[in-house]
Amino acid sequence: MGVPQPTAETRWRCTLCGNLTRFDVTRSTRAVEYVHLDLAGEPNVEEREVVSETIESVRCRWCNAVDQIELVDRPGAGA
């Protein structure tokens, strides 16, 4: 069960303190990467395609509440 991601019309809000701007997000990502190694063997990711991504938890940076996040409308989203 993941946490819903914000959209163009919504954003996160902490239900305990009202924070709208600072969160620690733990996510799992599956990706396909094209890695180019230089002659010294140093890798450089030149292309990355995200196959799937799940947000596992969101923690509020202000009050440290874990998974107390809700989606609310962005200002002007209904206009």
N, C-alpha and C. Protein backbone atom coordinates (compact mmCIF):
# COMPACT_ATOMS: atom_id res chain seq x y z
N MET A 1 0.85 -1.19 0.00
CA MET A 1 0.00 0.00 0.00
C MET A 1 0.88 1.23 0.00
N GLY A 2 0.76 2.05 -1.00
CA GLY A 2 1.59 3.24 -1.10
C GLY A 2 0.82 4.49 -0.70
N VAL A 3 1.56 5.58 -0.63
CA VAL A 3 0.99 6.89 -0.33
C VAL A 3 0.65 7.55 -1.66
N PRO A 4 -0.51 8.17 -1.79
CA PRO A 4 -0.85 8.82 -3.07
C PRO A 4 0.10 9.98 -3.38
N GLN A 5 0.46 10.09 -4.64
CA GLN A 5 1.37 11.17 -5.06
C GLN A 5 0.57 12.42 -5.39
N PRO A 6 1.16 13.58 -5.12
CA PRO A 6 0.52 14.83 -5.52
C PRO A 6 0.40 14.90 -7.05
N THR A 7 -0.58 15.66 -7.50
CA THR A 7 -0.80 15.86 -8.94
C THR A 7 -0.69 17.35 -9.24
N ALA A 8 -1.04 17.71 -10.44
CA ALA A 8 -1.03 19.13 -10.82
C ALA A 8 -2.09 19.92 -10.05
N GLU A 9 -3.13 19.23 -9.58
CA GLU A 9 -4.22 19.89 -8.85
C GLU A 9 -4.15 19.72 -7.34
N THR A 10 -3.30 18.79 -6.85
CA THR A 10 -3.24 18.51 -5.41
C THR A 10 -1.81 18.62 -4.89
N ARG A 11 -1.70 18.71 -3.56
CA ARG A 11 -0.40 18.70 -2.90
C ARG A 11 -0.57 18.02 -1.54
N TRP A 12 0.58 17.67 -0.92
CA TRP A 12 0.55 17.03 0.39
C TRP A 12 0.35 18.07 1.48
N ARG A 13 -0.29 17.63 2.57
CA ARG A 13 -0.45 18.43 3.78
C ARG A 13 -0.41 17.49 4.97
N CYS A 14 0.37 17.84 6.00
CA CYS A 14 0.42 17.05 7.22
C CYS A 14 -0.86 17.31 8.00
N THR A 15 -1.55 16.25 8.39
CA THR A 15 -2.81 16.40 9.11
C THR A 15 -2.60 16.84 10.56
N LEU A 16 -1.39 16.67 11.09
CA LEU A 16 -1.14 17.04 12.48
C LEU A 16 -0.71 18.49 12.66
N CYS A 17 0.20 18.99 11.81
CA CYS A 17 0.73 20.34 12.01
C CYS A 17 0.41 21.31 10.88
N GLY A 18 -0.09 20.81 9.75
CA GLY A 18 -0.44 21.67 8.64
C GLY A 18 0.68 21.95 7.65
N ASN A 19 1.86 21.36 7.85
CA ASN A 19 2.99 21.54 6.95
C ASN A 19 2.59 21.24 5.50
N LEU A 20 3.01 22.11 4.59
CA LEU A 20 2.74 21.92 3.16
C LEU A 20 4.00 21.79 2.32
N THR A 21 5.19 21.95 2.94
CA THR A 21 6.38 22.13 2.12
C THR A 21 7.56 21.21 2.41
N ARG A 22 7.65 20.56 3.56
CA ARG A 22 8.85 19.79 3.90
C ARG A 22 8.49 18.37 4.34
N PHE A 23 8.95 17.38 3.54
CA PHE A 23 8.65 15.98 3.83
C PHE A 23 9.85 15.11 3.49
N ASP A 24 10.03 14.03 4.26
CA ASP A 24 10.99 12.98 3.92
C ASP A 24 10.19 11.87 3.26
N VAL A 25 10.57 11.51 2.05
CA VAL A 25 9.82 10.52 1.28
C VAL A 25 10.69 9.28 1.08
N THR A 26 10.14 8.12 1.45
CA THR A 26 10.80 6.84 1.21
C THR A 26 10.08 6.19 0.05
N ARG A 27 10.83 5.90 -1.03
CA ARG A 27 10.20 5.33 -2.21
C ARG A 27 11.02 4.17 -2.74
N SER A 28 10.33 3.22 -3.39
CA SER A 28 10.97 2.11 -4.09
C SER A 28 10.81 2.38 -5.58
N THR A 29 11.91 2.25 -6.30
CA THR A 29 11.90 2.53 -7.73
C THR A 29 12.54 1.37 -8.48
N ARG A 30 11.90 0.94 -9.56
CA ARG A 30 12.49 0.00 -10.50
C ARG A 30 12.78 0.80 -11.75
N ALA A 31 14.02 0.72 -12.22
CA ALA A 31 14.41 1.52 -13.38
C ALA A 31 15.36 0.72 -14.27
N VAL A 32 15.33 1.06 -15.54
CA VAL A 32 16.29 0.54 -16.51
C VAL A 32 17.23 1.69 -16.84
N GLU A 33 18.53 1.45 -16.69
CA GLU A 33 19.51 2.51 -16.93
C GLU A 33 20.51 2.09 -17.99
N TYR A 34 20.87 3.04 -18.82
CA TYR A 34 21.97 2.85 -19.76
C TYR A 34 23.20 3.47 -19.10
N VAL A 35 24.15 2.59 -18.75
CA VAL A 35 25.35 3.03 -18.05
C VAL A 35 26.53 2.98 -19.01
N HIS A 36 27.23 4.10 -19.11
CA HIS A 36 28.43 4.20 -19.95
C HIS A 36 29.64 4.28 -19.02
N LEU A 37 30.57 3.36 -19.20
CA LEU A 37 31.79 3.36 -18.42
C LEU A 37 32.89 4.03 -19.22
N ASP A 38 33.60 4.97 -18.58
CA ASP A 38 34.73 5.58 -19.28
C ASP A 38 35.90 4.60 -19.25
N LEU A 39 37.01 4.96 -19.87
CA LEU A 39 38.14 4.04 -19.97
C LEU A 39 38.75 3.71 -18.61
N ALA A 40 38.54 4.55 -17.62
CA ALA A 40 39.03 4.29 -16.27
C ALA A 40 38.05 3.42 -15.48
N GLY A 41 36.88 3.15 -16.06
CA GLY A 41 35.89 2.31 -15.40
C GLY A 41 34.87 3.07 -14.57
N GLU A 42 34.88 4.41 -14.66
CA GLU A 42 33.91 5.21 -13.90
C GLU A 42 32.56 5.20 -14.62
N PRO A 43 31.50 4.82 -13.91
CA PRO A 43 30.18 4.75 -14.56
C PRO A 43 29.51 6.11 -14.65
N ASN A 44 28.74 6.28 -15.72
CA ASN A 44 27.93 7.48 -15.92
C ASN A 44 26.58 7.03 -16.48
N VAL A 45 25.49 7.31 -15.77
CA VAL A 45 24.15 6.95 -16.24
C VAL A 45 23.73 7.98 -17.28
N GLU A 46 23.57 7.53 -18.53
CA GLU A 46 23.23 8.44 -19.61
C GLU A 46 21.74 8.44 -19.92
N GLU A 47 21.05 7.35 -19.63
CA GLU A 47 19.61 7.28 -19.84
C GLU A 47 19.00 6.51 -18.68
N ARG A 48 17.81 6.93 -18.27
CA ARG A 48 17.12 6.25 -17.17
C ARG A 48 15.63 6.22 -17.47
N GLU A 49 15.05 5.02 -17.44
CA GLU A 49 13.61 4.86 -17.63
C GLU A 49 13.03 4.25 -16.36
N VAL A 50 12.13 4.96 -15.71
CA VAL A 50 11.48 4.43 -14.50
C VAL A 50 10.37 3.48 -14.94
N VAL A 51 10.49 2.23 -14.50
CA VAL A 51 9.52 1.20 -14.84
C VAL A 51 8.35 1.25 -13.86
N SER A 52 8.65 1.38 -12.58
CA SER A 52 7.61 1.51 -11.56
C SER A 52 8.18 2.26 -10.37
N GLU A 53 7.28 2.92 -9.64
CA GLU A 53 7.71 3.68 -8.47
C GLU A 53 6.57 3.67 -7.46
N THR A 54 6.92 3.36 -6.21
CA THR A 54 5.94 3.34 -5.13
C THR A 54 6.46 4.16 -3.97
N ILE A 55 5.65 5.08 -3.48
CA ILE A 55 6.01 5.83 -2.29
C ILE A 55 5.59 4.98 -1.10
N GLU A 56 6.57 4.59 -0.28
CA GLU A 56 6.30 3.71 0.85
C GLU A 56 5.85 4.47 2.09
N SER A 57 6.48 5.61 2.35
CA SER A 57 6.08 6.40 3.51
C SER A 57 6.48 7.85 3.30
N VAL A 58 5.77 8.73 4.01
CA VAL A 58 6.06 10.15 3.98
C VAL A 58 6.10 10.63 5.43
N ARG A 59 7.20 11.29 5.81
CA ARG A 59 7.35 11.81 7.17
C ARG A 59 7.44 13.32 7.12
N CYS A 60 6.68 13.98 7.98
CA CYS A 60 6.68 15.44 8.06
C CYS A 60 7.98 15.90 8.71
N ARG A 61 8.67 16.84 8.09
CA ARG A 61 9.92 17.36 8.65
C ARG A 61 9.69 18.30 9.82
N TRP A 62 8.49 18.84 9.96
CA TRP A 62 8.21 19.78 11.04
C TRP A 62 7.87 19.06 12.34
N CYS A 63 6.98 18.06 12.28
CA CYS A 63 6.53 17.41 13.52
C CYS A 63 6.89 15.93 13.61
N ASN A 64 7.58 15.39 12.59
CA ASN A 64 8.01 13.99 12.53
C ASN A 64 6.87 12.99 12.47
N ALA A 65 5.68 13.42 12.13
CA ALA A 65 4.56 12.49 11.98
C ALA A 65 4.81 11.62 10.76
N VAL A 66 4.57 10.32 10.90
CA VAL A 66 4.77 9.37 9.81
C VAL A 66 3.41 8.97 9.27
N ASP A 67 3.28 9.05 7.97
CA ASP A 67 2.07 8.63 7.26
C ASP A 67 0.82 9.34 7.76
N GLN A 68 0.94 10.60 8.10
CA GLN A 68 -0.19 11.44 8.49
C GLN A 68 -0.41 12.50 7.41
N ILE A 69 -0.25 12.09 6.17
CA ILE A 69 -0.28 13.02 5.04
C ILE A 69 -1.59 12.84 4.28
N GLU A 70 -2.18 13.97 3.89
CA GLU A 70 -3.37 13.95 3.07
C GLU A 70 -3.14 14.77 1.81
N LEU A 71 -3.94 14.53 0.80
CA LEU A 71 -3.89 15.33 -0.41
C LEU A 71 -4.92 16.44 -0.28
N VAL A 72 -4.50 17.67 -0.55
CA VAL A 72 -5.40 18.82 -0.55
C VAL A 72 -5.24 19.55 -1.88
N ASP A 73 -6.23 20.35 -2.23
CA ASP A 73 -6.18 21.12 -3.48
C ASP A 73 -5.08 22.15 -3.43
N ARG A 74 -4.43 22.35 -4.57
CA ARG A 74 -3.45 23.44 -4.70
C ARG A 74 -4.21 24.75 -4.85
N PRO A 75 -3.62 25.85 -4.41
CA PRO A 75 -4.28 27.15 -4.62
C PRO A 75 -4.49 27.40 -6.11
N GLY A 76 -5.69 27.83 -6.47
CA GLY A 76 -5.99 28.13 -7.87
C GLY A 76 -6.24 26.93 -8.73
N ALA A 77 -6.24 25.72 -8.15
CA ALA A 77 -6.42 24.51 -8.95
C ALA A 77 -7.83 24.43 -9.53
N GLY A 78 -8.80 25.02 -8.85
CA GLY A 78 -10.18 24.95 -9.33
C GLY A 78 -10.51 26.04 -10.32
N ALA A 79 -9.57 26.96 -10.55
CA ALA A 79 -9.86 28.10 -11.45
C ALA A 79 -9.69 27.71 -12.91
